[in-house]
């Protein structure tokens, strides 16, 4: 995990599905758990979904707070 990855979580929006248009960092845990069970998509979106899922699962979403305040 790098700072650039964390920043991308706060700038990239979900391109499809129920939460289309929502920041990846703001997706609910149950949605991320579904992807973890069914499989993350390929590419950058899948990589970011896997990252935010791991952060959510381990209670680390607070790491994004300082980056949110900079915006």
Protein backbone atom coordinates (compact mmCIF):
# COMPACT_ATOMS: atom_id res chain seq x y z
CA UNK A 1 0.00 0.00 0.00
CA UNK A 2 1.30 3.40 -0.99
CA UNK A 3 0.03 6.93 -0.42
CA UNK A 4 -0.96 7.11 -4.09
CA UNK A 5 -3.20 4.07 -3.61
CA UNK A 6 -4.91 5.69 -0.63
CA UNK A 7 -5.42 8.89 -2.61
CA UNK A 8 -6.95 6.90 -5.48
CA UNK A 9 -9.51 5.43 -3.07
CA UNK A 10 -10.71 9.00 -2.50
CA UNK A 11 -10.81 10.01 -6.17
CA UNK A 12 -11.94 6.95 -8.14
CA UNK A 13 -15.67 6.29 -8.26
CA UNK A 14 -17.39 2.95 -8.68
CA UNK A 15 -17.97 2.63 -12.44
CA UNK A 16 -20.85 0.13 -12.32
CA UNK A 17 -23.43 -1.59 -10.16
CA UNK A 18 -25.65 -0.54 -7.28
CA UNK A 19 -23.14 2.04 -6.02
CA UNK A 20 -22.12 3.49 -9.40
CA UNK A 21 -20.69 6.98 -8.91
CA UNK A 22 -19.80 6.56 -5.23
CA UNK A 23 -16.17 6.93 -4.14
CA UNK A 24 -14.53 3.55 -3.66
CA UNK A 25 -13.49 4.67 -0.16
CA UNK A 26 -17.18 5.17 0.71
CA UNK A 27 -18.52 1.78 -0.38
CA UNK A 28 -20.25 -0.16 2.40
CA UNK A 29 -18.59 -3.18 3.98
CA UNK A 30 -21.31 -5.64 2.94
CA UNK A 31 -20.76 -4.70 -0.71
CA UNK A 32 -17.00 -5.17 -0.37
CA UNK A 33 -17.57 -8.53 1.34
CA UNK A 34 -19.69 -9.62 -1.61
CA UNK A 35 -16.82 -8.86 -3.99
CA UNK A 36 -14.41 -10.71 -1.71
CA UNK A 37 -16.65 -13.79 -1.92
CA UNK A 38 -17.51 -13.55 -5.63
CA UNK A 39 -14.21 -12.17 -6.93
CA UNK A 40 -12.88 -8.68 -7.52
CA UNK A 41 -12.92 -7.36 -11.09
CA UNK A 42 -9.68 -7.08 -13.00
CA UNK A 43 -7.70 -3.91 -13.33
CA UNK A 44 -7.34 -0.86 -11.15
CA UNK A 45 -10.92 -0.90 -9.86
CA UNK A 46 -10.54 -4.47 -8.64
CA UNK A 47 -7.22 -3.67 -7.00
CA UNK A 48 -8.72 -0.66 -5.22
CA UNK A 49 -11.79 -2.65 -4.14
CA UNK A 50 -9.52 -5.33 -2.68
CA UNK A 51 -7.51 -2.66 -0.86
CA UNK A 52 -10.51 -0.92 0.69
CA UNK A 53 -11.98 -4.31 1.60
CA UNK A 54 -8.79 -5.21 3.47
CA UNK A 55 -8.78 -1.83 5.21
CA UNK A 56 -12.46 -2.15 6.15
CA UNK A 57 -12.03 -5.72 7.38
CA UNK A 58 -9.12 -4.71 9.61
CA UNK A 59 -10.68 -1.48 10.90
CA UNK A 60 -8.21 0.75 9.07
CA UNK A 61 -10.55 3.12 7.20
CA UNK A 62 -9.39 5.84 9.61
CA UNK A 63 -6.11 5.97 7.69
CA UNK A 64 -8.03 7.87 5.01
CA UNK A 65 -9.21 10.65 7.35
CA UNK A 66 -6.08 12.85 7.06
CA UNK A 67 -6.28 12.60 3.27
CA UNK A 68 -9.96 13.55 3.29
CA UNK A 69 -9.17 16.66 5.33
CA UNK A 70 -6.59 17.79 2.76
CA UNK A 71 -9.24 17.97 0.04
